[in-house]
N, C-alpha and C. Protein backbone atom coordinates (compact mmCIF):
# COMPACT_ATOMS: atom_id res chain seq x y z
N MET A 1 0.83 -1.19 0.00
CA MET A 1 0.00 0.00 0.00
C MET A 1 0.87 1.24 0.00
N GLY A 2 0.40 2.36 -0.58
CA GLY A 2 1.18 3.58 -0.71
C GLY A 2 1.36 4.30 0.61
N ASP A 3 2.39 5.12 0.64
CA ASP A 3 2.65 5.93 1.83
C ASP A 3 1.60 7.02 1.93
N THR A 4 1.31 7.41 3.17
CA THR A 4 0.38 8.52 3.34
C THR A 4 1.13 9.82 3.06
N ARG A 5 0.43 10.75 2.51
CA ARG A 5 1.03 12.02 2.12
C ARG A 5 0.99 12.99 3.30
N ARG A 6 2.16 13.56 3.61
CA ARG A 6 2.23 14.51 4.72
C ARG A 6 1.79 15.89 4.25
N LYS A 7 1.13 16.60 5.12
CA LYS A 7 0.69 17.97 4.82
C LYS A 7 1.50 18.93 5.69
N PHE A 8 1.92 20.03 5.10
CA PHE A 8 2.68 21.03 5.83
C PHE A 8 1.92 22.34 5.79
N ASP A 9 1.80 22.98 6.96
CA ASP A 9 1.07 24.25 6.97
C ASP A 9 1.93 25.37 6.37
N GLN A 10 1.27 26.47 6.08
CA GLN A 10 1.93 27.59 5.40
C GLN A 10 3.11 28.13 6.20
N ASP A 11 2.98 28.20 7.52
CA ASP A 11 4.06 28.72 8.36
C ASP A 11 5.31 27.85 8.23
N PHE A 12 5.13 26.53 8.22
CA PHE A 12 6.27 25.63 8.08
C PHE A 12 6.94 25.82 6.73
N ARG A 13 6.12 25.90 5.68
CA ARG A 13 6.67 26.09 4.33
C ARG A 13 7.48 27.39 4.24
N GLU A 14 6.89 28.47 4.72
CA GLU A 14 7.58 29.77 4.67
C GLU A 14 8.86 29.75 5.48
N GLY A 15 8.84 29.09 6.63
CA GLY A 15 10.04 28.99 7.46
C GLY A 15 11.13 28.19 6.77
N ALA A 16 10.76 27.11 6.12
CA ALA A 16 11.74 26.28 5.41
C ALA A 16 12.37 27.06 4.26
N VAL A 17 11.55 27.78 3.52
CA VAL A 17 12.05 28.59 2.40
C VAL A 17 12.95 29.69 2.93
N ARG A 18 12.57 30.31 4.02
CA ARG A 18 13.37 31.38 4.61
C ARG A 18 14.74 30.84 5.04
N LEU A 19 14.80 29.61 5.56
CA LEU A 19 16.08 29.00 5.94
C LEU A 19 17.00 28.89 4.73
N VAL A 20 16.46 28.46 3.61
CA VAL A 20 17.27 28.32 2.39
C VAL A 20 17.72 29.69 1.93
N ARG A 21 16.80 30.63 1.89
CA ARG A 21 17.09 31.96 1.36
C ARG A 21 18.08 32.73 2.24
N GLU A 22 17.89 32.70 3.55
CA GLU A 22 18.68 33.55 4.44
C GLU A 22 20.00 32.93 4.86
N THR A 23 20.08 31.60 4.92
CA THR A 23 21.33 30.97 5.35
C THR A 23 22.24 30.66 4.18
N GLY A 24 21.67 30.54 2.98
CA GLY A 24 22.47 30.18 1.83
C GLY A 24 22.82 28.70 1.78
N LYS A 25 22.25 27.93 2.70
CA LYS A 25 22.51 26.49 2.70
C LYS A 25 21.82 25.84 1.50
N PRO A 26 22.39 24.76 1.01
CA PRO A 26 21.74 24.05 -0.11
C PRO A 26 20.38 23.50 0.30
N ILE A 27 19.50 23.43 -0.67
CA ILE A 27 18.16 22.91 -0.43
C ILE A 27 18.23 21.51 0.17
N ALA A 28 19.12 20.68 -0.37
CA ALA A 28 19.23 19.29 0.11
C ALA A 28 19.57 19.25 1.60
N GLN A 29 20.47 20.11 2.04
CA GLN A 29 20.87 20.11 3.45
C GLN A 29 19.72 20.56 4.34
N VAL A 30 19.04 21.63 3.96
CA VAL A 30 17.92 22.13 4.76
C VAL A 30 16.81 21.07 4.81
N ALA A 31 16.55 20.43 3.67
CA ALA A 31 15.51 19.39 3.63
C ALA A 31 15.87 18.25 4.58
N ARG A 32 17.12 17.82 4.56
CA ARG A 32 17.55 16.75 5.48
C ARG A 32 17.37 17.18 6.92
N ASP A 33 17.80 18.41 7.23
CA ASP A 33 17.69 18.92 8.59
C ASP A 33 16.24 18.95 9.08
N LEU A 34 15.33 19.24 8.16
CA LEU A 34 13.91 19.35 8.52
C LEU A 34 13.17 18.02 8.38
N GLY A 35 13.81 17.04 7.76
CA GLY A 35 13.17 15.74 7.58
C GLY A 35 12.10 15.73 6.50
N ILE A 36 12.32 16.54 5.47
CA ILE A 36 11.36 16.57 4.37
C ILE A 36 12.08 16.22 3.07
N ASN A 37 11.31 15.93 2.05
CA ASN A 37 11.86 15.55 0.77
C ASN A 37 12.50 16.76 0.11
N GLU A 38 13.67 16.54 -0.48
CA GLU A 38 14.41 17.61 -1.15
C GLU A 38 13.61 18.22 -2.30
N GLY A 39 12.91 17.40 -3.05
CA GLY A 39 12.11 17.89 -4.17
C GLY A 39 10.97 18.78 -3.71
N THR A 40 10.37 18.41 -2.58
CA THR A 40 9.28 19.22 -2.03
C THR A 40 9.78 20.60 -1.66
N LEU A 41 10.89 20.66 -0.94
CA LEU A 41 11.45 21.95 -0.54
C LEU A 41 11.89 22.73 -1.77
N GLY A 42 12.45 22.05 -2.75
CA GLY A 42 12.85 22.72 -3.98
C GLY A 42 11.67 23.38 -4.68
N ASN A 43 10.54 22.68 -4.71
CA ASN A 43 9.33 23.26 -5.30
C ASN A 43 8.89 24.52 -4.55
N TRP A 44 8.95 24.47 -3.23
CA TRP A 44 8.55 25.63 -2.43
C TRP A 44 9.49 26.81 -2.69
N VAL A 45 10.80 26.53 -2.76
CA VAL A 45 11.79 27.59 -3.00
C VAL A 45 11.58 28.19 -4.39
N ASN A 46 11.37 27.36 -5.40
CA ASN A 46 11.15 27.86 -6.76
C ASN A 46 9.89 28.71 -6.84
N ALA A 47 8.83 28.28 -6.17
CA ALA A 47 7.59 29.06 -6.17
C ALA A 47 7.81 30.41 -5.50
N ASP A 48 8.59 30.41 -4.42
CA ASP A 48 8.89 31.66 -3.72
C ASP A 48 9.70 32.59 -4.62
N ARG A 49 10.67 32.04 -5.34
CA ARG A 49 11.49 32.86 -6.24
C ARG A 49 10.62 33.48 -7.34
N ARG A 50 9.72 32.69 -7.89
CA ARG A 50 8.84 33.22 -8.94
C ARG A 50 7.97 34.35 -8.39
N ARG A 51 7.45 34.16 -7.17
CA ARG A 51 6.62 35.20 -6.55
C ARG A 51 7.44 36.47 -6.32
N ARG A 52 8.66 36.31 -5.80
CA ARG A 52 9.50 37.46 -5.50
C ARG A 52 9.93 38.20 -6.76
N ASP A 53 10.21 37.45 -7.82
CA ASP A 53 10.64 38.06 -9.07
C ASP A 53 9.48 38.65 -9.85
N GLY A 54 8.27 38.35 -9.41
CA GLY A 54 7.10 38.84 -10.12
C GLY A 54 6.87 38.08 -11.41
N GLY A 55 7.63 37.02 -11.60
CA GLY A 55 7.51 36.26 -12.84
C GLY A 55 6.39 35.26 -12.78
N ASP A 56 5.79 35.04 -13.92
CA ASP A 56 4.73 34.04 -14.00
C ASP A 56 5.20 32.84 -14.82
N GLY A 57 6.51 32.79 -15.09
CA GLY A 57 7.06 31.70 -15.87
C GLY A 57 7.08 31.97 -17.36
N TYR A 58 6.52 33.10 -17.78
CA TYR A 58 6.48 33.46 -19.19
C TYR A 58 7.50 34.55 -19.46
N LEU A 59 8.02 34.56 -20.67
CA LEU A 59 8.98 35.58 -21.05
C LEU A 59 8.25 36.85 -21.48
N SER A 60 8.86 37.98 -21.13
CA SER A 60 8.32 39.26 -21.61
C SER A 60 8.67 39.40 -23.09
N GLU A 61 8.10 40.40 -23.73
CA GLU A 61 8.38 40.62 -25.15
C GLU A 61 9.87 40.90 -25.37
N ASP A 62 10.47 41.71 -24.49
CA ASP A 62 11.90 42.01 -24.59
C ASP A 62 12.73 40.74 -24.42
N GLU A 63 12.34 39.90 -23.48
CA GLU A 63 13.08 38.65 -23.26
C GLU A 63 12.96 37.71 -24.46
N ARG A 64 11.77 37.66 -25.06
CA ARG A 64 11.58 36.82 -26.26
C ARG A 64 12.46 37.32 -27.41
N GLU A 65 12.52 38.65 -27.57
CA GLU A 65 13.35 39.23 -28.63
C GLU A 65 14.82 38.91 -28.39
N GLU A 66 15.26 39.05 -27.14
CA GLU A 66 16.65 38.75 -26.83
C GLU A 66 16.95 37.27 -27.05
N LEU A 67 16.04 36.40 -26.64
CA LEU A 67 16.23 34.97 -26.85
C LEU A 67 16.34 34.64 -28.32
N ALA A 68 15.49 35.22 -29.14
CA ALA A 68 15.55 34.98 -30.59
C ALA A 68 16.88 35.47 -31.16
N ARG A 69 17.32 36.65 -30.71
CA ARG A 69 18.59 37.19 -31.18
C ARG A 69 19.75 36.29 -30.78
N LEU A 70 19.75 35.82 -29.54
CA LEU A 70 20.83 34.96 -29.06
C LEU A 70 20.83 33.60 -29.76
N ARG A 71 19.64 33.07 -30.03
CA ARG A 71 19.56 31.79 -30.75
C ARG A 71 20.12 31.94 -32.17
N LYS A 72 19.78 33.05 -32.82
CA LYS A 72 20.29 33.30 -34.17
C LYS A 72 21.81 33.44 -34.14
N GLU A 73 22.31 34.21 -33.18
CA GLU A 73 23.75 34.40 -33.05
C GLU A 73 24.45 33.07 -32.77
N ASN A 74 23.86 32.25 -31.93
CA ASN A 74 24.43 30.93 -31.61
C ASN A 74 24.50 30.05 -32.85
N ALA A 75 23.44 30.06 -33.65
CA ALA A 75 23.41 29.26 -34.87
C ALA A 75 24.48 29.74 -35.85
N GLU A 76 24.63 31.05 -35.97
CA GLU A 76 25.65 31.60 -36.86
C GLU A 76 27.05 31.23 -36.41
N LEU A 77 27.30 31.30 -35.11
CA LEU A 77 28.61 30.94 -34.58
C LEU A 77 28.89 29.45 -34.78
N ALA A 78 27.87 28.62 -34.62
CA ALA A 78 28.04 27.19 -34.83
C ALA A 78 28.40 26.90 -36.28
N MET A 79 27.73 27.58 -37.20
CA MET A 79 28.05 27.38 -38.62
C MET A 79 29.46 27.86 -38.94
N CYS A 80 29.84 28.99 -38.38
CA CYS A 80 31.19 29.53 -38.63
C CYS A 80 32.26 28.59 -38.10
N SER A 81 32.04 28.05 -36.91
CA SER A 81 33.07 27.20 -36.33
C SER A 81 33.19 25.88 -37.07
N SER A 82 32.09 25.36 -37.60
CA SER A 82 32.17 24.10 -38.33
C SER A 82 32.74 24.31 -39.73
N ALA A 83 32.55 25.50 -40.30
CA ALA A 83 33.05 25.78 -41.64
C ALA A 83 34.47 26.30 -41.62
N ALA A 84 34.97 26.71 -40.46
CA ALA A 84 36.28 27.34 -40.39
C ALA A 84 37.42 26.35 -40.60
N TRP A 85 37.21 25.09 -40.31
CA TRP A 85 38.28 24.10 -40.40
C TRP A 85 38.02 23.16 -41.57
N PRO A 86 39.04 22.89 -42.35
CA PRO A 86 38.88 21.91 -43.43
C PRO A 86 38.56 20.55 -42.86
N SER A 87 37.88 19.75 -43.63
CA SER A 87 37.53 18.43 -43.14
C SER A 87 38.80 17.64 -42.87
N GLY A 88 38.80 16.92 -41.77
CA GLY A 88 39.96 16.14 -41.37
C GLY A 88 40.95 16.92 -40.53
N TYR A 89 40.78 18.24 -40.45
CA TYR A 89 41.67 19.06 -39.64
C TYR A 89 41.30 18.87 -38.18
N PRO A 90 42.30 18.77 -37.29
CA PRO A 90 41.97 18.54 -35.88
C PRO A 90 41.13 19.68 -35.30
N ALA A 91 40.07 19.31 -34.64
CA ALA A 91 39.21 20.31 -34.03
C ALA A 91 39.92 20.99 -32.87
N ASN A 92 40.78 20.25 -32.19
CA ASN A 92 41.49 20.81 -31.06
C ASN A 92 42.87 21.25 -31.54
N LEU A 93 43.03 22.52 -31.76
CA LEU A 93 44.28 23.05 -32.30
C LEU A 93 45.45 22.78 -31.36
N ALA A 94 45.21 22.80 -30.07
CA ALA A 94 46.30 22.55 -29.11
C ALA A 94 46.89 21.16 -29.32
N SER A 95 46.03 20.18 -29.58
CA SER A 95 46.56 18.83 -29.78
C SER A 95 47.36 18.78 -31.08
N ALA A 96 46.97 19.53 -32.08
CA ALA A 96 47.70 19.55 -33.33
C ALA A 96 49.08 20.19 -33.13
N VAL A 97 49.15 21.23 -32.34
CA VAL A 97 50.42 21.89 -32.07
C VAL A 97 51.33 20.98 -31.25
N ASP A 98 50.77 20.29 -30.26
CA ASP A 98 51.54 19.39 -29.44
C ASP A 98 52.09 18.21 -30.22
N ASN A 99 51.42 17.80 -31.27
CA ASN A 99 51.81 16.61 -32.03
C ASN A 99 52.58 16.94 -33.30
N ARG A 100 52.99 18.17 -33.46
CA ARG A 100 53.69 18.54 -34.69
C ARG A 100 55.10 17.93 -34.69
N PRO A 101 55.61 17.61 -35.85
CA PRO A 101 56.95 17.01 -35.91
C PRO A 101 58.02 18.07 -35.59
N GLY A 102 59.11 17.59 -35.07
CA GLY A 102 60.23 18.50 -34.90
C GLY A 102 60.68 18.54 -33.53
C-alpha cells in the first residue's frame, strides 16, 4: 500500500524557504535537517522565487526578442566554427600543435 502524504502548513513552508534563502545552505541540506523531501522543498523555494521576481514563468516581449537574437547568433557561430576548419583538420588546435613534428 502507498505511503500517506504529509501535509505542511503555510508557516512551516515559509520557514523552510526562509532558511534556504537567508542561510544560503543548499536545499538538500535544509531538507535533510527538517526531515522533508528535497524535491518538495525545492518546489517551495522555486515558487517563492517566482513570486519574489514577479515572474509568471512566461517571457516578456523584450526577453523573447533577446532569446531569438541569441539563438540566431548561436546558430551563426556554430556554422562559422564548423566551416572554419577543413575536413579532417583537428578540431582541437592545441593537440595539433603538441603533435607537430620536430
